[in-house]
Amino acid sequence: MTRQIIIERTLKVINQLPEDKAEAISDFADFVFKRYEEQELTNGIQKLASESQAFDFLNNEDDIYSIADLKEVYNG
């Protein structure tokens, strides 16, 4: 089903409902849209963080400790 058909079908149903029921559907649509916006924002932030080079300097850090520094070795 296309987006336009869904919109038309939904509007047809809403037009047949009493005002309080139509308002409830409007409130639900607002709720769904806000959740969608929040998810898109979260996805955008995650993408920015994963593609960021802000912490690349940590890859060039010298190793401070070696295996010889271990007091106890765990062999799982």
N, C-alpha and C. Protein backbone atom coordinates (compact mmCIF):
# COMPACT_ATOMS: atom_id res chain seq x y z
N MET A 1 0.84 -1.17 0.00
CA MET A 1 0.00 0.00 0.00
C MET A 1 0.90 1.25 0.00
N THR A 2 0.58 2.20 -0.83
CA THR A 2 1.40 3.40 -0.91
C THR A 2 1.06 4.36 0.23
N ARG A 3 1.95 5.27 0.46
CA ARG A 3 1.78 6.26 1.52
C ARG A 3 0.51 7.10 1.29
N GLN A 4 0.30 7.50 0.06
CA GLN A 4 -0.86 8.33 -0.27
C GLN A 4 -2.17 7.59 -0.01
N ILE A 5 -2.21 6.32 -0.34
CA ILE A 5 -3.42 5.51 -0.11
C ILE A 5 -3.68 5.38 1.39
N ILE A 6 -2.63 5.17 2.15
CA ILE A 6 -2.77 5.07 3.61
C ILE A 6 -3.32 6.37 4.18
N ILE A 7 -2.80 7.49 3.73
CA ILE A 7 -3.26 8.81 4.20
C ILE A 7 -4.73 9.01 3.85
N GLU A 8 -5.09 8.73 2.62
CA GLU A 8 -6.48 8.91 2.19
C GLU A 8 -7.43 8.01 2.98
N ARG A 9 -7.05 6.76 3.17
CA ARG A 9 -7.89 5.83 3.92
C ARG A 9 -8.06 6.28 5.37
N THR A 10 -6.97 6.75 5.96
CA THR A 10 -7.02 7.21 7.35
C THR A 10 -7.89 8.46 7.48
N LEU A 11 -7.74 9.39 6.55
CA LEU A 11 -8.58 10.60 6.58
C LEU A 11 -10.06 10.28 6.42
N LYS A 12 -10.35 9.31 5.59
CA LYS A 12 -11.74 8.90 5.37
C LYS A 12 -12.35 8.37 6.67
N VAL A 13 -11.58 7.57 7.38
CA VAL A 13 -12.04 7.01 8.65
C VAL A 13 -12.18 8.12 9.69
N ILE A 14 -11.20 9.00 9.78
CA ILE A 14 -11.23 10.08 10.77
C ILE A 14 -12.44 10.99 10.54
N ASN A 15 -12.76 11.26 9.29
CA ASN A 15 -13.91 12.12 8.98
C ASN A 15 -15.23 11.51 9.43
N GLN A 16 -15.28 10.21 9.62
CA GLN A 16 -16.51 9.54 10.03
C GLN A 16 -16.63 9.43 11.56
N LEU A 17 -15.56 9.76 12.26
CA LEU A 17 -15.55 9.63 13.72
C LEU A 17 -16.04 10.90 14.41
N PRO A 18 -16.53 10.75 15.65
CA PRO A 18 -16.85 11.94 16.43
C PRO A 18 -15.57 12.70 16.78
N GLU A 19 -15.74 13.95 17.16
CA GLU A 19 -14.58 14.84 17.38
C GLU A 19 -13.61 14.30 18.43
N ASP A 20 -14.10 13.75 19.53
CA ASP A 20 -13.20 13.26 20.58
C ASP A 20 -12.36 12.08 20.11
N LYS A 21 -12.94 11.22 19.29
CA LYS A 21 -12.19 10.07 18.75
C LYS A 21 -11.16 10.54 17.72
N ALA A 22 -11.53 11.52 16.91
CA ALA A 22 -10.59 12.07 15.93
C ALA A 22 -9.43 12.75 16.64
N GLU A 23 -9.71 13.40 17.76
CA GLU A 23 -8.65 14.05 18.54
C GLU A 23 -7.71 13.01 19.14
N ALA A 24 -8.25 11.88 19.56
CA ALA A 24 -7.42 10.80 20.10
C ALA A 24 -6.47 10.28 19.03
N ILE A 25 -6.96 10.16 17.81
CA ILE A 25 -6.10 9.70 16.71
C ILE A 25 -5.02 10.75 16.42
N SER A 26 -5.37 12.00 16.49
CA SER A 26 -4.41 13.08 16.28
C SER A 26 -3.32 13.04 17.36
N ASP A 27 -3.73 12.83 18.61
CA ASP A 27 -2.76 12.73 19.70
C ASP A 27 -1.83 11.55 19.49
N PHE A 28 -2.38 10.43 19.05
CA PHE A 28 -1.56 9.24 18.80
C PHE A 28 -0.57 9.50 17.66
N ALA A 29 -1.03 10.18 16.62
CA ALA A 29 -0.14 10.49 15.49
C ALA A 29 1.00 11.39 15.97
N ASP A 30 0.70 12.36 16.84
CA ASP A 30 1.75 13.21 17.40
C ASP A 30 2.76 12.39 18.20
N PHE A 31 2.24 11.45 18.98
CA PHE A 31 3.10 10.57 19.78
C PHE A 31 4.03 9.75 18.88
N VAL A 32 3.47 9.14 17.86
CA VAL A 32 4.27 8.32 16.93
C VAL A 32 5.33 9.18 16.24
N PHE A 33 4.95 10.38 15.83
CA PHE A 33 5.89 11.27 15.15
C PHE A 33 7.03 11.69 16.08
N LYS A 34 6.72 11.98 17.33
CA LYS A 34 7.78 12.37 18.28
C LYS A 34 8.74 11.22 18.52
N ARG A 35 8.21 10.01 18.63
CA ARG A 35 9.10 8.85 18.80
C ARG A 35 9.98 8.65 17.58
N TYR A 36 9.41 8.87 16.39
CA TYR A 36 10.18 8.77 15.15
C TYR A 36 11.30 9.81 15.14
N GLU A 37 10.97 11.05 15.50
CA GLU A 37 11.98 12.12 15.54
C GLU A 37 13.11 11.77 16.51
N GLU A 38 12.74 11.28 17.70
CA GLU A 38 13.74 10.91 18.70
C GLU A 38 14.65 9.80 18.19
N GLN A 39 14.07 8.81 17.51
CA GLN A 39 14.86 7.71 16.97
C GLN A 39 15.81 8.20 15.88
N GLU A 40 15.32 9.09 15.02
CA GLU A 40 16.17 9.65 13.97
C GLU A 40 17.31 10.46 14.57
N LEU A 41 17.03 11.22 15.61
CA LEU A 41 18.06 11.99 16.29
C LEU A 41 19.09 11.07 16.92
N THR A 42 18.63 10.03 17.58
CA THR A 42 19.54 9.06 18.19
C THR A 42 20.41 8.40 17.14
N ASN A 43 19.82 8.00 16.02
CA ASN A 43 20.59 7.38 14.94
C ASN A 43 21.63 8.34 14.38
N GLY A 44 21.26 9.61 14.24
CA GLY A 44 22.19 10.62 13.75
C GLY A 44 23.36 10.82 14.69
N ILE A 45 23.08 10.87 15.98
CA ILE A 45 24.14 11.03 16.98
C ILE A 45 25.06 9.82 16.97
N GLN A 46 24.48 8.63 16.89
CA GLN A 46 25.30 7.41 16.86
C GLN A 46 26.19 7.38 15.62
N LYS A 47 25.67 7.82 14.51
CA LYS A 47 26.45 7.85 13.27
C LYS A 47 27.60 8.84 13.38
N LEU A 48 27.30 10.03 13.91
CA LEU A 48 28.35 11.03 14.10
C LEU A 48 29.45 10.51 15.02
N ALA A 49 29.05 9.88 16.11
CA ALA A 49 30.03 9.37 17.07
C ALA A 49 30.87 8.25 16.46
N SER A 50 30.25 7.37 15.68
CA SER A 50 31.01 6.25 15.11
C SER A 50 31.95 6.69 13.99
N GLU A 51 31.61 7.76 13.30
CA GLU A 51 32.45 8.25 12.21
C GLU A 51 33.43 9.33 12.65
N SER A 52 33.32 9.74 13.90
CA SER A 52 34.15 10.81 14.41
C SER A 52 35.60 10.36 14.53
N GLN A 53 36.49 11.31 14.39
CA GLN A 53 37.92 11.03 14.55
C GLN A 53 38.45 11.68 15.82
N ALA A 54 37.55 12.04 16.72
CA ALA A 54 37.93 12.75 17.94
C ALA A 54 38.87 11.94 18.83
N PHE A 55 38.73 10.62 18.83
CA PHE A 55 39.54 9.80 19.70
C PHE A 55 40.62 9.01 18.95
N ASP A 56 40.89 9.39 17.72
CA ASP A 56 41.92 8.69 16.94
C ASP A 56 43.30 8.78 17.58
N PHE A 57 43.53 9.82 18.36
CA PHE A 57 44.84 9.97 19.01
C PHE A 57 45.14 8.79 19.94
N LEU A 58 44.10 8.12 20.43
CA LEU A 58 44.31 6.98 21.32
C LEU A 58 44.94 5.79 20.59
N ASN A 59 44.73 5.71 19.28
CA ASN A 59 45.32 4.62 18.50
C ASN A 59 46.83 4.75 18.38
N ASN A 60 47.35 5.95 18.55
CA ASN A 60 48.78 6.20 18.41
C ASN A 60 49.51 6.23 19.75
N GLU A 61 48.80 5.89 20.80
CA GLU A 61 49.38 5.94 22.14
C GLU A 61 50.33 4.76 22.34
N ASP A 62 51.45 5.02 23.00
CA ASP A 62 52.39 3.95 23.32
C ASP A 62 51.80 3.04 24.38
N ASP A 63 52.15 1.75 24.30
CA ASP A 63 51.71 0.81 25.32
C ASP A 63 52.48 1.09 26.61
N ILE A 64 51.76 1.31 27.68
CA ILE A 64 52.39 1.62 28.96
C ILE A 64 52.81 0.34 29.67
N TYR A 65 52.02 -0.70 29.51
CA TYR A 65 52.29 -1.96 30.19
C TYR A 65 52.52 -3.06 29.17
N SER A 66 53.23 -4.09 29.62
CA SER A 66 53.46 -5.26 28.77
C SER A 66 53.04 -6.50 29.56
N ILE A 67 53.14 -7.63 28.94
CA ILE A 67 52.79 -8.90 29.60
C ILE A 67 53.71 -9.14 30.79
N ALA A 68 54.93 -8.67 30.69
CA ALA A 68 55.90 -8.86 31.78
C ALA A 68 55.46 -8.13 33.05
N ASP A 69 54.62 -7.15 32.94
CA ASP A 69 54.16 -6.39 34.10
C ASP A 69 53.07 -7.12 34.89
N LEU A 70 52.50 -8.18 34.32
CA LEU A 70 51.43 -8.90 34.99
C LEU A 70 51.94 -9.64 36.22
N LYS A 71 51.16 -9.59 37.30
CA LYS A 71 51.49 -10.34 38.49
C LYS A 71 50.91 -11.74 38.42
N GLU A 72 49.75 -11.85 37.75
CA GLU A 72 49.08 -13.14 37.64
C GLU A 72 48.51 -13.26 36.23
N VAL A 73 48.68 -14.42 35.60
CA VAL A 73 48.20 -14.64 34.25
C VAL A 73 46.99 -15.57 34.34
N TYR A 74 45.92 -15.15 33.72
CA TYR A 74 44.69 -15.94 33.69
C TYR A 74 44.59 -16.62 32.32
N ASN A 75 44.45 -17.93 32.32
CA ASN A 75 44.39 -18.70 31.07
C ASN A 75 43.00 -19.28 30.81
N GLY A 76 41.99 -18.53 31.17
CA GLY A 76 40.59 -18.79 30.90
C GLY A 76 40.11 -20.15 30.94
